[in-house]
Amino acid sequence: MKFDYHTHHKRCGHALGAIEDYIREALQRGLHTIGISDHSPFFAAEEDHANPRIAMAKSEFPRYVAEVLRLKEKYAGRIEVALGVESDFYPEHIELYRSIYAQYPFDYIIGSVHSIERVGVFNRERWLGITESAQIAIKEQYLDYIRQSVRSGVFQIIGHMDAMKSYFPAYTELETIEIEKTLQCIGETTMAIEINTSYKEKKKKWHPDLHERYADDTNWYPSDDTLERALFYGVNVTFGSDSHEPDRVADDFEQVSERLRAIGFRKWTMFRAKKPIQVDI
């Protein structure tokens, strides 16, 4: 079973191609299922299109859903097209997001923490000039947000769980019991964490010294250490390339599958109508 649950397209303002381009690429690559999961609008913003280079406009959201459902019908019998969305998690706005998502027939919703107190998780500047204890405090706050997103019940998938390592790979070396608490929290649900292969794209922008120091690091989120702990806590796993251009669909799927089997995982978790389905890795 080959699939990809995390793809974007031009509506979000920073991806290339139309939705159908990703479906056609998935067909060429022999996928059984392709999930469409563009960035959710900023529903709490006053403006219709608050951040044109980050997410779609609120007025586009119904058209986005309608297009995916139309393409689901068009390609039925050739490839399964799953309706998803990658949703920002804002604790203060979760009820607004819940009420909007409830209006649509999603197969799954990816919950991603993209910012903490208005500072983006991909902001490399936040790590500069602070002590290790301050770095650990940031990591613990990030993990607390993830636990809150799990407990909200809105999401089926946790997106790029250790995204904060993107430009600060030492993030994974910051020891805290909060990672255990977070994985245990997820493991008590039917949710899944995604193995997201977009980390390799971030690594291309590293300083050469980082490439040398972290030469053995994987090309995906989360780290192997986190995956080994996730297995211990019974956490489900799923796959997403986080592709922002069609030629990255299912990127590294085979390598990830092989690594998961080596760690000890035996099942992928997929979703239809938000219900988990277990399939062999």
Protein backbone atom coordinates (compact mmCIF):
# COMPACT_ATOMS: atom_id res chain seq x y z
CA MET A 1 0.00 0.00 0.00
CA LYS A 2 1.68 3.18 -1.18
CA PHE A 3 0.17 6.52 -0.23
CA ASP A 4 0.94 10.14 0.63
CA TYR A 5 -1.28 12.17 2.95
CA HIS A 6 0.52 15.52 2.95
CA THR A 7 0.48 17.59 -0.23
CA HIS A 8 -0.03 21.26 -1.04
CA HIS A 9 -0.85 23.23 -4.15
CA LYS A 10 -0.86 26.78 -5.47
CA ARG A 11 -3.77 28.01 -3.34
CA CYS A 12 -1.50 28.35 -0.30
CA GLY A 13 0.73 30.84 -2.09
CA HIS A 14 4.03 29.01 -1.67
CA ALA A 15 3.49 25.75 -3.56
CA LEU A 16 3.52 24.93 -7.26
CA GLY A 17 0.86 23.26 -9.37
CA ALA A 18 -2.83 22.49 -9.22
CA ILE A 19 -4.41 19.72 -7.17
CA GLU A 20 -4.85 17.55 -10.25
CA ASP A 21 -1.11 17.77 -10.97
CA TYR A 22 -0.44 15.97 -7.68
CA ILE A 23 -3.03 13.31 -8.43
CA ARG A 24 -1.55 12.65 -11.86
CA GLU A 25 1.93 12.40 -10.37
CA ALA A 26 0.64 9.98 -7.74
CA LEU A 27 -0.83 7.79 -10.48
CA GLN A 28 2.49 7.73 -12.34
CA ARG A 29 4.27 6.71 -9.14
CA GLY A 30 1.89 3.85 -8.44
CA LEU A 31 0.18 5.24 -5.36
CA HIS A 32 -3.01 3.64 -4.09
CA THR A 33 -4.05 6.83 -2.25
CA ILE A 34 -3.17 10.50 -2.54
CA GLY A 35 -4.28 12.88 0.19
CA ILE A 36 -4.79 16.57 -0.55
CA SER A 37 -4.04 18.69 2.51
CA ASP A 38 -3.39 22.31 1.73
CA HIS A 39 -2.87 24.90 4.47
CA SER A 40 -6.02 26.01 6.23
CA PRO A 41 -6.99 29.68 6.04
CA PHE A 42 -6.41 31.94 9.02
CA PHE A 43 -10.02 31.64 10.10
CA ALA A 44 -9.67 33.99 13.08
CA ALA A 45 -8.26 36.86 11.02
CA GLU A 46 -10.47 39.78 10.09
CA GLU A 47 -9.21 39.80 6.51
CA ASP A 48 -10.32 37.25 3.97
CA HIS A 49 -6.73 36.57 2.91
CA ALA A 50 -4.54 37.51 5.85
CA ASN A 51 -1.32 35.84 4.67
CA PRO A 52 -1.37 35.24 0.89
CA ARG A 53 2.04 33.53 0.84
CA ILE A 54 1.24 31.18 3.71
CA ALA A 55 -2.34 29.94 3.36
CA MET A 56 -5.44 30.15 1.22
CA ALA A 57 -8.13 32.80 1.64
CA LYS A 58 -11.17 32.00 3.74
CA SER A 59 -13.36 32.48 0.69
CA GLU A 60 -11.33 29.83 -1.15
CA PHE A 61 -11.89 27.12 1.43
CA PRO A 62 -15.31 25.90 0.17
CA ARG A 63 -13.97 25.90 -3.39
CA TYR A 64 -10.94 23.91 -2.26
CA VAL A 65 -13.13 21.23 -0.68
CA ALA A 66 -15.43 21.15 -3.70
CA GLU A 67 -12.50 20.70 -6.08
CA VAL A 68 -11.04 17.80 -4.10
CA LEU A 69 -14.45 16.08 -3.93
CA ARG A 70 -14.92 16.55 -7.68
CA LEU A 71 -11.52 15.03 -8.37
CA LYS A 72 -12.24 12.20 -5.96
CA GLU A 73 -15.19 11.27 -8.18
CA LYS A 74 -13.26 11.82 -11.40
CA TYR A 75 -10.45 9.45 -10.42
CA ALA A 76 -12.56 6.85 -8.60
CA GLY A 77 -11.43 3.37 -9.61
CA ARG A 78 -7.97 4.62 -10.61
CA ILE A 79 -6.68 6.12 -7.36
CA GLU A 80 -8.25 7.03 -4.05
CA VAL A 81 -8.24 10.80 -3.50
CA ALA A 82 -8.57 11.63 0.19
CA LEU A 83 -9.90 14.98 1.41
CA GLY A 84 -7.64 16.48 4.03
CA VAL A 85 -6.34 19.80 5.27
CA GLU A 86 -3.26 20.85 7.19
CA SER A 87 -4.60 22.95 10.00
CA ASP A 88 -2.72 25.41 12.15
CA PHE A 89 -3.23 24.81 15.85
CA TYR A 90 -4.04 27.91 17.86
CA PRO A 91 -5.29 27.01 21.35
CA GLU A 92 -7.27 30.23 21.60
CA HIS A 93 -9.12 29.59 18.32
CA ILE A 94 -9.65 25.83 18.40
CA GLU A 95 -13.43 26.02 18.80
CA LEU A 96 -13.72 28.25 15.74
CA TYR A 97 -11.67 25.80 13.68
CA ARG A 98 -13.65 22.86 15.03
CA SER A 99 -16.97 24.43 14.01
CA ILE A 100 -15.75 25.16 10.48
CA TYR A 101 -14.23 21.73 9.86
CA ALA A 102 -17.41 20.03 11.06
CA GLN A 103 -19.19 21.40 7.97
CA TYR A 104 -17.11 19.32 5.54
CA PRO A 105 -16.59 15.56 4.90
CA PHE A 106 -12.89 15.33 5.69
CA ASP A 107 -11.09 12.01 5.61
CA TYR A 108 -8.46 13.43 7.94
CA ILE A 109 -7.16 16.70 9.37
CA ILE A 110 -3.46 17.25 10.04
CA GLY A 111 -2.86 19.33 13.16
CA SER A 112 0.40 21.25 12.92
CA VAL A 113 1.95 23.62 15.42
CA HIS A 114 3.48 26.27 13.18
CA SER A 115 4.02 28.99 15.76
CA ILE A 116 4.25 29.56 19.50
CA GLU A 117 3.32 32.98 20.79
CA ARG A 118 3.55 34.37 17.26
CA VAL A 119 7.08 33.10 16.62
CA GLY A 120 7.25 30.50 13.84
CA VAL A 121 8.65 27.06 14.58
CA PHE A 122 10.89 27.39 11.50
CA ASN A 123 12.42 30.63 12.79
CA ARG A 124 16.11 29.88 13.25
CA GLU A 125 16.74 33.18 15.04
CA ARG A 126 14.83 32.11 18.15
CA TRP A 127 17.67 29.78 19.18
CA LEU A 128 20.47 32.31 19.01
CA GLY A 129 22.11 33.67 22.14
CA ILE A 130 20.02 31.77 24.68
CA THR A 131 21.00 29.21 27.29
CA GLU A 132 20.33 25.50 27.03
CA SER A 133 17.72 25.77 29.78
CA ALA A 134 15.91 28.41 27.72
CA GLN A 135 16.10 26.12 24.69
CA ILE A 136 14.58 23.28 26.70
CA ALA A 137 11.80 25.62 27.86
CA ILE A 138 10.94 26.36 24.21
CA LYS A 139 10.91 22.64 23.40
CA GLU A 140 8.62 21.93 26.35
CA GLN A 141 6.23 24.69 25.32
CA TYR A 142 6.12 23.27 21.79
CA LEU A 143 5.38 19.78 23.11
CA ASP A 144 2.68 21.19 25.37
CA TYR A 145 1.00 22.70 22.30
CA ILE A 146 1.12 19.31 20.61
CA ARG A 147 -0.56 17.67 23.62
CA GLN A 148 -3.23 20.35 23.61
CA SER A 149 -3.87 19.67 19.93
CA VAL A 150 -4.19 15.95 20.66
CA ARG A 151 -6.65 16.53 23.50
CA SER A 152 -8.77 18.86 21.35
CA GLY A 153 -10.05 15.87 19.36
CA VAL A 154 -10.09 17.93 16.16
CA PHE A 155 -7.21 16.19 14.39
CA GLN A 156 -6.36 12.69 13.18
CA ILE A 157 -2.69 13.30 12.35
CA ILE A 158 0.08 15.23 14.10
CA GLY A 159 2.11 17.07 11.47
CA HIS A 160 5.94 17.18 11.41
CA MET A 161 6.23 16.43 15.11
CA ASP A 162 9.76 17.74 15.67
CA ALA A 163 9.64 20.57 13.12
CA MET A 164 11.69 22.75 15.43
CA LYS A 165 14.82 20.82 14.48
CA SER A 166 14.54 22.19 10.92
CA TYR A 167 17.31 24.78 11.29
CA PHE A 168 18.40 23.79 14.78
CA PRO A 169 19.14 20.05 14.68
CA ALA A 170 20.46 20.18 18.26
CA TYR A 171 16.77 20.39 19.22
CA THR A 172 16.64 16.59 19.28
CA GLU A 173 19.47 16.52 21.84
CA LEU A 174 17.57 18.67 24.35
CA GLU A 175 16.48 16.15 26.99
CA THR A 176 13.09 16.58 28.64
CA ILE A 177 10.48 14.24 30.08
CA GLU A 178 7.88 16.17 28.07
CA ILE A 179 8.60 14.06 24.98
CA GLU A 180 7.60 10.94 26.90
CA LYS A 181 4.44 12.62 28.15
CA THR A 182 3.58 13.75 24.63
CA LEU A 183 4.06 10.35 23.01
CA GLN A 184 2.09 8.67 25.78
CA CYS A 185 -0.71 11.19 25.23
CA ILE A 186 -0.80 10.43 21.49
CA GLY A 187 -0.55 6.69 22.08
CA GLU A 188 -3.75 6.77 24.14
CA THR A 189 -5.68 7.90 21.03
CA THR A 190 -6.28 6.57 17.50
CA MET A 191 -4.28 9.49 16.07
CA ALA A 192 -1.10 9.03 14.06
CA ILE A 193 2.13 10.96 13.80
CA GLU A 194 3.29 11.46 10.25
CA ILE A 195 6.71 10.59 8.97
CA ASN A 196 7.23 13.76 6.98
CA THR A 197 10.03 13.77 4.42
CA SER A 198 10.23 17.53 3.87
CA TYR A 199 13.04 17.83 6.42
CA LYS A 200 15.49 17.09 3.61
CA GLU A 201 14.40 20.33 1.94
CA LYS A 202 15.24 22.33 5.08
CA LYS A 203 18.61 20.62 5.39
CA LYS A 204 19.62 21.97 1.97
CA LYS A 205 19.71 25.43 3.58
CA TRP A 206 21.96 24.46 6.49
CA HIS A 207 25.39 25.92 7.09
CA PRO A 208 28.10 23.45 5.93
CA ASP A 209 29.20 22.88 9.55
CA LEU A 210 25.76 21.47 10.36
CA HIS A 211 25.93 19.06 7.44
CA GLU A 212 29.20 17.71 8.79
CA ARG A 213 28.04 17.44 12.39
CA TYR A 214 24.67 15.86 11.60
CA ALA A 215 25.68 13.79 8.59
CA ASP A 216 23.93 10.71 10.01
CA ASP A 217 20.60 12.45 10.63
CA THR A 218 17.59 11.16 8.71
CA ASN A 219 15.83 13.14 5.99
CA TRP A 220 12.48 13.26 7.76
CA TYR A 221 10.55 14.26 10.85
CA PRO A 222 10.51 12.91 13.50
CA SER A 223 13.94 11.59 14.44
CA ASP A 224 14.63 7.88 14.81
CA ASP A 225 14.93 8.31 18.57
CA THR A 226 11.42 9.74 18.70
CA LEU A 227 10.11 6.94 16.49
CA GLU A 228 11.62 4.30 18.75
CA ARG A 229 9.94 5.89 21.76
CA ALA A 230 6.70 6.22 19.79
CA LEU A 231 6.71 2.48 19.14
CA PHE A 232 7.08 1.85 22.88
CA TYR A 233 4.00 3.98 23.60
CA GLY A 234 1.91 2.36 20.87
CA VAL A 235 1.75 5.46 18.69
CA ASN A 236 0.34 5.00 15.19
CA VAL A 237 2.32 6.23 12.18
CA THR A 238 1.36 7.53 8.76
CA PHE A 239 3.20 9.06 5.81
CA GLY A 240 3.33 12.51 4.25
CA SER A 241 5.87 14.02 1.88
CA ASP A 242 4.69 17.58 2.61
CA SER A 243 5.27 18.15 -1.07
CA HIS A 244 4.94 21.69 -2.37
CA GLU A 245 5.64 20.64 -5.93
CA PRO A 246 4.31 17.56 -7.74
CA ASP A 247 7.65 15.84 -8.27
CA ARG A 248 8.06 15.33 -4.50
CA VAL A 249 4.92 13.20 -4.14
CA ALA A 250 5.68 10.10 -2.02
CA ASP A 251 9.30 11.24 -1.70
CA ASP A 252 11.36 8.61 0.18
CA PHE A 253 8.31 6.42 0.85
CA GLU A 254 10.24 3.19 0.32
CA GLN A 255 13.17 4.31 2.49
CA VAL A 256 10.83 5.35 5.30
CA SER A 257 8.96 2.04 5.09
CA GLU A 258 12.22 0.11 5.35
CA ARG A 259 13.36 2.16 8.34
CA LEU A 260 10.06 1.76 10.16
CA ARG A 261 10.19 -2.01 9.72
CA ALA A 262 13.74 -2.01 11.11
CA ILE A 263 12.57 -0.05 14.17
CA GLY A 264 9.72 -2.51 14.70
CA PHE A 265 6.61 -0.93 13.20
CA ARG A 266 4.38 -3.25 11.19
CA LYS A 267 1.35 -1.10 10.28
CA TRP A 268 0.58 2.22 8.67
CA THR A 269 -2.51 4.08 9.83
CA MET A 270 -4.72 5.54 7.11
CA PHE A 271 -8.03 7.36 7.48
CA ARG A 272 -11.38 7.39 5.74
CA ALA A 273 -14.09 9.71 7.07
CA LYS A 274 -11.73 10.28 10.04
CA LYS A 275 -11.81 6.60 10.97
CA PRO A 276 -8.42 4.85 11.32
CA ILE A 277 -7.58 1.92 9.06
CA GLN A 278 -4.51 -0.26 9.64
CA VAL A 279 -2.54 -1.49 6.61
CA ASP A 280 0.72 -3.41 6.39
CA ILE A 281 3.93 -1.45 5.99
